[in-house]
């Protein structure tokens, strides 16, 4: 195979990898936005609930959403670094 063909093939592979990475980045942003909205909703709901059992349940849901969002933000930050370096 000639160098031109090899370079062309490499370029298409790297391009496909970059497209997949960008797709993951975009979908992760959408999920994080949804989690942010859910977190706000749970906080609002928590402020209006007076029963202790219900408050604990909402608080546990809020904790899970918060932790998952933190994990997602870390991944997004790493993807953004990769995106900017290429």
Protein backbone atom coordinates (compact mmCIF):
# COMPACT_ATOMS: atom_id res chain seq x y z
CA UNK A 1 0.00 0.00 0.00
CA UNK A 2 1.27 3.45 -0.77
CA UNK A 3 1.88 6.08 1.87
CA UNK A 4 -0.97 8.19 0.53
CA UNK A 5 -3.46 5.35 0.91
CA UNK A 6 -2.20 4.55 4.40
CA UNK A 7 -2.47 8.17 5.48
CA UNK A 8 -5.94 8.40 4.01
CA UNK A 9 -7.00 5.27 5.86
CA UNK A 10 -5.51 6.56 9.11
CA UNK A 11 -7.30 9.88 8.67
CA UNK A 12 -10.67 8.17 8.21
CA UNK A 13 -10.12 6.01 11.31
CA UNK A 14 -9.15 8.99 13.44
CA UNK A 15 -12.04 10.99 12.07
CA UNK A 16 -14.48 8.21 12.97
CA UNK A 17 -13.01 8.04 16.46
CA UNK A 18 -13.36 11.80 16.85
CA UNK A 19 -16.98 11.69 15.66
CA UNK A 20 -17.79 8.94 18.17
CA UNK A 21 -16.13 10.95 20.92
CA UNK A 22 -18.11 14.06 20.00
CA UNK A 23 -21.35 12.06 19.93
CA UNK A 24 -20.60 10.76 23.43
CA UNK A 25 -19.77 14.31 24.58
CA UNK A 26 -23.06 15.70 23.25
CA UNK A 27 -25.19 12.92 24.70
CA UNK A 28 -23.47 13.26 28.07
CA UNK A 29 -24.23 16.98 28.10
CA UNK A 30 -27.92 16.23 27.52
CA UNK A 31 -28.01 13.69 30.34
CA UNK A 32 -26.25 16.07 32.71
CA UNK A 33 -28.74 18.78 31.89
CA UNK A 34 -31.61 16.40 32.67
CA UNK A 35 -29.96 15.45 35.95
CA UNK A 36 -29.57 19.13 36.86
CA UNK A 37 -33.28 19.69 36.22
CA UNK A 38 -34.16 16.59 38.28
CA UNK A 39 -31.91 17.79 41.11
CA UNK A 40 -33.67 21.15 41.19
CA UNK A 41 -37.06 19.46 41.15
CA UNK A 42 -36.12 17.19 44.05
CA UNK A 43 -34.80 20.13 46.09
CA UNK A 44 -38.03 22.02 45.50
CA UNK A 45 -40.10 18.97 46.42
CA UNK A 46 -38.00 18.43 49.54
CA UNK A 47 -38.73 21.95 50.75
CA UNK A 48 -42.49 21.33 50.58
CA UNK A 49 -42.65 17.89 52.21
CA UNK A 50 -43.25 17.65 55.93
CA UNK A 51 -43.41 13.87 56.56
CA UNK A 52 -40.08 12.52 57.79
CA UNK A 53 -40.22 9.25 55.82
CA UNK A 54 -41.00 11.06 52.58
CA UNK A 55 -38.22 13.59 53.27
CA UNK A 56 -35.70 10.79 53.77
CA UNK A 57 -36.76 9.13 50.54
CA UNK A 58 -36.47 12.34 48.55
CA UNK A 59 -33.14 13.13 50.21
CA UNK A 60 -31.75 9.73 49.22
CA UNK A 61 -32.89 10.26 45.63
CA UNK A 62 -31.28 13.69 45.68
CA UNK A 63 -28.01 12.21 46.94
CA UNK A 64 -27.96 9.63 44.16
CA UNK A 65 -28.70 12.21 41.48
CA UNK A 66 -26.02 14.53 42.87
CA UNK A 67 -23.35 11.81 42.94
CA UNK A 68 -24.17 10.61 39.43
CA UNK A 69 -24.04 14.16 38.15
CA UNK A 70 -20.61 14.66 39.76
CA UNK A 71 -19.32 11.51 38.07
CA UNK A 72 -20.75 12.65 34.75
CA UNK A 73 -19.14 16.08 35.09
CA UNK A 74 -15.74 14.46 35.65
CA UNK A 75 -16.15 12.38 32.50
CA UNK A 76 -17.34 15.43 30.57
CA UNK A 77 -14.33 17.40 31.74
CA UNK A 78 -11.98 14.65 30.53
CA UNK A 79 -13.76 14.47 27.18
CA UNK A 80 -13.52 18.24 26.86
CA UNK A 81 -9.75 18.09 27.46
CA UNK A 82 -9.42 15.44 24.75
CA UNK A 83 -11.64 17.48 22.45
CA UNK A 84 -9.53 20.61 22.90
CA UNK A 85 -6.23 18.79 22.51
CA UNK A 86 -7.14 17.35 19.09
